[in-house]
Every structure is written in C-alpha cells, then in structure tokens.
Amino acid sequence: MTRALVGSLMLSAVVLAQTRPEFEVASVRPSTDQPTQVSVGLHVTGSQVRVTYMSLKDYIGMAYNVRPAQISGPDWLAQQRFDIIATIPEGVPISKVPDMLQALLADRFKLTIHREMKEFPVYALVPAKGGLTLKEVPPASMPTDRPPAVNVAASGTGNGVAVDLGGGSSFVLGNNQLAIKKMTMRQFAEVLTRFVDRPVLDMTGTTGSYDLTMNLSPEDYTATLIRSAINQGVSLPSPALRLLETASSDPFSAPLAQAGLSLEARRAPLDVIVVDAVQKVPTDN
C-alpha cells in the first residue's frame, strides 16, 4: 500500500510538472537606459508577448497579481529594468501569461517566494453620502471572431505620466490634472494606489466604466508626482523628499467629492509575496 501511495504521488508530480504553463521560448535582457523619458509596455498579440522597461518588482507583481506594497524583498528589486520577449505555446490562452511569467522568473532569476497574509492600512474607495454623480460610459462593441490583443503602454517624464490600457481606457497625470478615461472603479482604485501612501481598494459596488478629470493645485500636483516615483521604488534626492513635508497628505478628497466619491482610511488583510531568494542577473537566454 505504501508503494502504491508513493507511486501515486510521483505520478501526480509528473502530471503537475507536465501541465505547468511555460513560455515556448523567452528572451530576458537588461533594458536600455532612458534617463529623460521612460516608456513601459506590455503587448500580447497572438502568441507573441513583449514587455519593456519593467523592474523585477513589476514582473513579480504581474506574475502574482499584487501591488508593489504587497511584495517584500530587497530594495534593488525596483531598480534594474528588463525587457522580455516570449512566445505563448499553441493552444495556451492569454490568461495563462501570469503563470508562465512565474515559471520564467523561477527559471531565469531563480526566484523563490512564499505567501503570507498581512494587515495593511488601506483606503476604501466608496460612494459619498449623496451617491455617485458620474455617468457611465457605454461599453464599446468588441469583435468576437478572434482573441483580443493586449496592449498596455506607459510613458513618463519629470513633468507627468501617461498610461494607455487599451480599448479606450487610459489615464494621464499632467498639467495639474489626473484625467481618467473609460475605467472601472476597480481600475481607478489601482491608479490612485500609484499616487497615495497606501493601497486603495474599490468598495463602490459598481461595474461600469467612467470618465473623470480631477484638478490639482500646483503644489499637490508636484507632491503627487513625487509619491508616484516613491511608490515605484525610484530613489529621489533630498530636496524632492522635503517637498512632501509641507504638501497636503490628502490631495484627492475635494475632486473626488465632486464626483460623488470618497476615500475612507481602514485596515484590511492583503496577500503578501515574500521573496526568499532571487538573482540580480538572469541566466543566459
């Protein structure tokens, strides 16, 4: 009976190993330095995946579907940038890209992790007392005869940030404004997380997409850019950090209130990815 049990376990391990999704081929290379302007992108067309100028922390977040604040590891994870070009095996759906990215990180960077649950201070994005005042954007018709392509592109300089999520969804932080186009409240909460001091969770109970433009004072706009850089792991000089000492800690409450939204400070348990081991340099392609 013991022998049969061992045999069964070995067979299960073989099956799991055979069915673990992996890229057919993949290239991982350091990104080209772009000191004045940063362009980041995720493009999936057919079987081809191309990701540019992302840090290991970004890739871990994509692979395990967590925010940067939910990744515990060495500070350098957010510094070195890499480009990945990969091919999805025939018959494997795009939805398996995160699983294949997990396998790639384990193979090329020898990444090992474990999961923990940790309570975090968060902001809950909720409707204000008078209710949501935004009008829902009608959904666009999508072709059904072929799998959708995924195109997410971002660019940024010291003057602002622009992210195109594809399908008409985007946000731009520039000219003292945060402009949201055709985003769900869940997506909007993820955007706000980039610019505040804690994760933002969507608790509006809505499912539609919305447009929203929030005007910021020049001081709040500058502080928002600085917080965005800090949240992405960018090292900033002391004069920039000192600007936060006198900046408002809550630049979004007033413009959110005009849209019938509010941020409430709460605590909530979130999944944490703890990095046990990882290499700075990937193995050869």
Protein backbone atom coordinates (compact mmCIF):
# COMPACT_ATOMS: atom_id res chain seq x y z
CA MET A 1 0.00 0.00 0.00
CA THR A 2 2.87 2.36 0.85
CA ARG A 3 4.48 1.61 -2.52
CA ALA A 4 1.20 2.36 -4.28
CA LEU A 5 0.84 5.65 -2.39
CA VAL A 6 4.38 6.70 -3.32
CA GLY A 7 3.72 5.76 -6.93
CA SER A 8 0.53 7.79 -6.93
CA LEU A 9 2.30 10.84 -5.52
CA MET A 10 5.08 10.52 -8.10
CA LEU A 11 2.52 10.28 -10.89
CA SER A 12 0.75 13.40 -9.58
CA ALA A 13 4.06 15.29 -9.52
CA VAL A 14 4.78 14.27 -13.11
CA VAL A 15 1.34 15.39 -14.25
CA LEU A 16 1.72 18.73 -12.46
CA ALA A 17 5.14 19.24 -14.00
CA GLN A 18 3.76 18.46 -17.46
CA THR A 19 0.79 20.81 -17.16
CA ARG A 20 2.60 23.81 -15.63
CA PRO A 21 2.29 26.52 -18.30
CA GLU A 22 5.59 27.88 -19.58
CA PHE A 23 6.58 30.11 -22.48
CA GLU A 24 7.69 28.19 -25.54
CA VAL A 25 10.76 30.44 -25.85
CA ALA A 26 11.71 33.59 -23.95
CA SER A 27 14.44 36.22 -24.02
CA VAL A 28 15.27 38.33 -20.94
CA ARG A 29 17.64 41.28 -21.38
CA PRO A 30 18.54 44.44 -19.44
CA SER A 31 16.62 47.46 -20.69
CA THR A 32 18.32 50.33 -22.48
CA ASP A 33 18.78 53.32 -20.19
CA GLN A 34 16.36 56.17 -20.89
CA PRO A 35 17.37 58.96 -18.49
CA THR A 36 14.97 61.69 -19.73
CA GLN A 37 11.88 59.69 -20.69
CA VAL A 38 10.66 56.26 -19.65
CA SER A 39 8.50 54.08 -21.91
CA VAL A 40 6.96 50.95 -20.41
CA GLY A 41 4.73 48.48 -22.19
CA LEU A 42 3.00 45.10 -22.21
CA HIS A 43 1.95 43.87 -25.64
CA VAL A 44 0.35 40.49 -26.33
CA THR A 45 -0.60 39.80 -29.95
CA GLY A 46 -1.44 36.27 -30.96
CA SER A 47 1.30 34.11 -29.48
CA GLN A 48 3.83 36.94 -29.03
CA VAL A 49 4.43 38.66 -25.66
CA ARG A 50 6.64 41.73 -25.36
CA VAL A 51 7.24 43.57 -22.07
CA THR A 52 9.61 46.55 -21.92
CA TYR A 53 11.42 48.52 -19.22
CA MET A 54 9.97 46.84 -16.14
CA SER A 55 11.72 46.06 -12.88
CA LEU A 56 11.80 42.66 -11.21
CA LYS A 57 9.32 44.04 -8.69
CA ASP A 58 6.98 44.95 -11.56
CA TYR A 59 7.29 41.45 -13.03
CA ILE A 60 6.63 39.81 -9.66
CA GLY A 61 3.54 41.98 -9.27
CA MET A 62 2.31 40.96 -12.75
CA ALA A 63 3.03 37.29 -12.14
CA TYR A 64 1.27 37.09 -8.78
CA ASN A 65 -1.32 39.87 -9.23
CA VAL A 66 -0.23 42.00 -6.28
CA ARG A 67 0.65 45.68 -5.83
CA PRO A 68 4.25 46.81 -5.15
CA ALA A 69 3.40 47.40 -1.48
CA GLN A 70 2.48 43.71 -1.23
CA ILE A 71 5.93 42.50 -2.29
CA SER A 72 8.51 42.00 0.44
CA GLY A 73 12.09 41.75 -0.80
CA PRO A 74 15.38 43.61 -1.27
CA ASP A 75 15.22 47.26 -2.36
CA TRP A 76 17.11 46.58 -5.59
CA LEU A 77 14.11 44.66 -6.98
CA ALA A 78 12.67 48.02 -8.11
CA GLN A 79 15.89 49.36 -9.69
CA GLN A 80 17.29 47.24 -12.55
CA ARG A 81 14.95 47.12 -15.58
CA PHE A 82 14.49 44.26 -18.04
CA ASP A 83 12.81 43.57 -21.39
CA ILE A 84 11.12 40.23 -22.04
CA ILE A 85 10.14 38.80 -25.42
CA ALA A 86 8.35 35.46 -25.27
CA THR A 87 6.16 33.09 -27.26
CA ILE A 88 3.00 31.51 -25.89
CA PRO A 89 2.66 27.81 -26.81
CA GLU A 90 -0.07 26.93 -29.27
CA GLY A 91 -3.42 26.35 -27.59
CA VAL A 92 -2.48 28.14 -24.35
CA PRO A 93 -4.77 31.14 -23.62
CA ILE A 94 -3.51 34.67 -22.86
CA SER A 95 -4.96 34.33 -19.35
CA LYS A 96 -2.07 31.95 -18.55
CA VAL A 97 0.60 34.63 -19.12
CA PRO A 98 0.95 35.35 -15.35
CA ASP A 99 1.51 31.62 -14.67
CA MET A 100 4.08 31.44 -17.45
CA LEU A 101 5.78 34.55 -16.06
CA GLN A 102 6.01 32.84 -12.65
CA ALA A 103 7.80 29.92 -14.30
CA LEU A 104 10.11 32.28 -16.21
CA LEU A 105 11.12 34.19 -13.07
CA ALA A 106 11.83 30.91 -11.27
CA ASP A 107 13.92 29.65 -14.19
CA ARG A 108 15.92 32.74 -15.17
CA PHE A 109 16.16 34.59 -11.85
CA LYS A 110 15.93 31.56 -9.54
CA LEU A 111 13.06 33.30 -7.76
CA THR A 112 11.54 31.50 -4.80
CA ILE A 113 8.72 33.01 -2.77
CA HIS A 114 6.17 32.22 -0.13
CA ARG A 115 2.84 33.84 0.63
CA GLU A 116 1.66 35.50 3.81
CA MET A 117 -1.44 37.41 4.84
CA LYS A 118 -0.72 40.78 6.41
CA GLU A 119 -3.00 43.55 7.63
CA PHE A 120 -2.36 46.86 5.86
CA PRO A 121 -3.62 50.40 6.28
CA VAL A 122 -5.71 50.98 3.15
CA TYR A 123 -8.08 53.48 1.63
CA ALA A 124 -11.57 52.25 0.71
CA LEU A 125 -12.93 53.94 -2.42
CA VAL A 126 -16.64 54.32 -1.64
CA PRO A 127 -19.61 56.38 -2.87
CA ALA A 128 -20.09 59.65 -0.99
CA LYS A 129 -23.28 60.23 1.02
CA GLY A 130 -25.06 61.78 -1.96
CA GLY A 131 -24.12 58.87 -4.23
CA LEU A 132 -22.01 58.65 -7.37
CA THR A 133 -22.53 61.60 -9.74
CA LEU A 134 -20.52 60.23 -12.67
CA LYS A 135 -22.27 58.99 -15.79
CA GLU A 136 -21.39 55.50 -17.01
CA VAL A 137 -19.54 55.29 -20.33
CA PRO A 138 -21.37 52.97 -22.80
CA PRO A 139 -19.38 49.78 -23.50
CA ALA A 140 -17.79 49.50 -26.92
CA SER A 141 -18.61 46.55 -29.15
CA MET A 142 -15.76 44.07 -29.38
CA PRO A 143 -15.03 41.63 -32.26
CA THR A 144 -15.73 38.02 -31.34
CA ASP A 145 -14.04 36.26 -34.28
CA ARG A 146 -10.50 36.43 -32.83
CA PRO A 147 -8.79 36.58 -29.42
CA PRO A 148 -8.31 40.17 -28.20
CA ALA A 149 -4.82 41.66 -28.25
CA VAL A 150 -3.44 43.16 -25.05
CA ASN A 151 -1.67 46.49 -25.42
CA VAL A 152 -0.71 48.42 -22.30
CA ALA A 153 1.73 51.29 -22.80
CA ALA A 154 3.06 53.85 -20.34
CA SER A 155 5.40 56.80 -20.68
CA GLY A 156 6.64 59.34 -18.22
CA THR A 157 8.99 62.24 -17.64
CA GLY A 158 9.55 64.58 -14.74
CA ASN A 159 6.50 66.52 -15.98
CA GLY A 160 3.89 63.77 -15.99
CA VAL A 161 2.77 60.21 -16.61
CA ALA A 162 0.51 58.68 -19.28
CA VAL A 163 -0.80 55.11 -19.36
CA ASP A 164 -2.86 53.54 -22.15
CA LEU A 165 -4.60 50.33 -21.06
CA GLY A 166 -6.09 49.62 -24.49
CA GLY A 167 -9.73 49.53 -25.50
CA GLY A 168 -10.06 53.27 -24.90
CA SER A 169 -9.06 53.04 -21.21
CA SER A 170 -6.30 55.39 -20.10
CA PHE A 171 -5.13 57.87 -17.53
CA VAL A 172 -2.88 60.92 -17.75
CA LEU A 173 -1.27 62.82 -14.91
CA GLY A 174 -0.16 66.13 -16.39
CA ASN A 175 -0.84 69.87 -16.40
CA ASN A 176 -2.07 69.78 -12.78
CA GLN A 177 -4.74 67.19 -13.61
CA LEU A 178 -5.40 63.48 -13.23
CA ALA A 179 -7.62 62.53 -16.17
CA ILE A 180 -9.29 59.10 -16.25
CA LYS A 181 -10.89 57.73 -19.42
CA LYS A 182 -13.23 54.73 -19.62
CA MET A 183 -12.09 53.00 -16.42
CA THR A 184 -13.92 50.79 -13.97
CA MET A 185 -13.78 51.79 -10.32
CA ARG A 186 -11.51 48.81 -9.70
CA GLN A 187 -9.07 50.14 -12.30
CA PHE A 188 -9.42 53.64 -10.88
CA ALA A 189 -8.55 52.35 -7.40
CA GLU A 190 -5.39 50.79 -8.84
CA VAL A 191 -4.50 54.15 -10.42
CA LEU A 192 -5.00 56.02 -7.15
CA THR A 193 -2.75 53.48 -5.40
CA ARG A 194 0.13 54.83 -7.51
CA PHE A 195 -0.27 58.31 -6.05
CA VAL A 196 -1.13 57.87 -2.37
CA ASP A 197 0.60 56.42 0.67
CA ARG A 198 -1.36 53.13 0.91
CA PRO A 199 -3.30 50.66 -1.28
CA VAL A 200 -6.73 51.76 -2.49
CA LEU A 201 -9.49 49.13 -2.61
CA ASP A 202 -12.62 49.50 -4.72
CA MET A 203 -15.66 49.21 -2.47
CA THR A 204 -18.11 51.18 -4.64
CA GLY A 205 -20.08 48.14 -5.76
CA THR A 206 -20.16 49.44 -9.35
CA THR A 207 -19.29 47.51 -12.51
CA GLY A 208 -19.45 50.20 -15.21
CA SER A 209 -16.73 52.35 -16.76
CA TYR A 210 -16.40 56.09 -16.19
CA ASP A 211 -14.54 59.24 -17.25
CA LEU A 212 -13.23 61.55 -14.54
CA THR A 213 -10.94 64.60 -14.50
CA MET A 214 -9.56 65.78 -11.15
CA ASN A 215 -7.89 69.17 -10.93
CA LEU A 216 -4.98 69.57 -8.51
CA SER A 217 -3.18 72.62 -7.19
CA PRO A 218 0.41 73.01 -8.48
CA GLU A 219 1.71 72.03 -5.02
CA ASP A 220 -0.49 68.93 -4.84
CA TYR A 221 0.41 68.00 -8.41
CA THR A 222 4.15 68.12 -7.67
CA ALA A 223 3.67 66.09 -4.48
CA THR A 224 1.61 63.52 -6.42
CA LEU A 225 4.44 63.06 -8.94
CA ILE A 226 6.92 62.57 -6.09
CA ARG A 227 4.71 59.99 -4.33
CA SER A 228 4.28 58.14 -7.63
CA ALA A 229 8.06 57.88 -8.03
CA ILE A 230 8.49 56.69 -4.42
CA ASN A 231 5.76 54.07 -4.83
CA GLN A 232 7.60 52.71 -7.89
CA GLY A 233 10.84 52.38 -5.93
CA VAL A 234 12.64 55.36 -7.51
CA SER A 235 15.37 56.93 -5.38
CA LEU A 236 14.85 60.70 -5.16
CA PRO A 237 17.17 63.47 -3.93
CA SER A 238 16.61 65.02 -0.51
CA PRO A 239 15.17 68.34 -1.85
CA ALA A 240 12.36 66.43 -3.59
CA LEU A 241 11.56 64.43 -0.47
CA ARG A 242 11.46 67.60 1.62
CA LEU A 243 8.67 68.93 -0.59
CA LEU A 244 6.41 66.22 0.83
CA GLU A 245 6.88 67.56 4.37
CA THR A 246 4.71 70.61 3.60
CA ALA A 247 2.45 69.02 0.97
CA SER A 248 -1.14 68.00 1.65
CA SER A 249 -1.47 64.35 2.63
CA ASP A 250 -4.94 64.22 1.06
CA PRO A 251 -4.93 65.97 -2.36
CA PHE A 252 -7.77 63.92 -3.85
CA SER A 253 -10.64 64.32 -1.35
CA ALA A 254 -12.05 67.54 -2.82
CA PRO A 255 -12.02 66.47 -6.51
CA LEU A 256 -13.34 63.01 -5.57
CA ALA A 257 -16.21 64.58 -3.64
CA GLN A 258 -17.28 66.44 -6.79
CA ALA A 259 -17.63 63.03 -8.47
CA GLY A 260 -19.60 61.57 -5.56
CA LEU A 261 -16.67 59.51 -4.28
CA SER A 262 -14.72 59.33 -1.06
CA LEU A 263 -11.57 57.69 0.35
CA GLU A 264 -12.01 56.17 3.82
CA ALA A 265 -8.99 55.11 5.90
CA ARG A 266 -9.37 51.49 7.01
CA ARG A 267 -7.32 48.35 7.68
CA ALA A 268 -7.62 45.17 5.61
CA PRO A 269 -5.77 41.85 5.21
CA LEU A 270 -3.89 41.56 1.90
CA ASP A 271 -1.88 38.79 0.27
CA VAL A 272 1.90 39.40 0.52
CA ILE A 273 4.54 37.83 -1.71
CA VAL A 274 7.73 37.34 0.32
CA VAL A 275 10.86 36.90 -1.79
CA ASP A 276 13.02 34.16 -0.24
CA ALA A 277 15.72 34.12 -2.92
CA VAL A 278 16.38 35.83 -6.25
CA GLN A 279 19.34 36.55 -8.52
CA LYS A 280 20.14 40.06 -9.75
CA VAL A 281 21.30 38.76 -13.14
CA PRO A 282 19.20 36.33 -15.19
CA THR A 283 20.69 33.12 -16.55
CA ASP A 284 21.61 33.04 -20.23
CA ASN A 285 18.78 33.02 -22.77
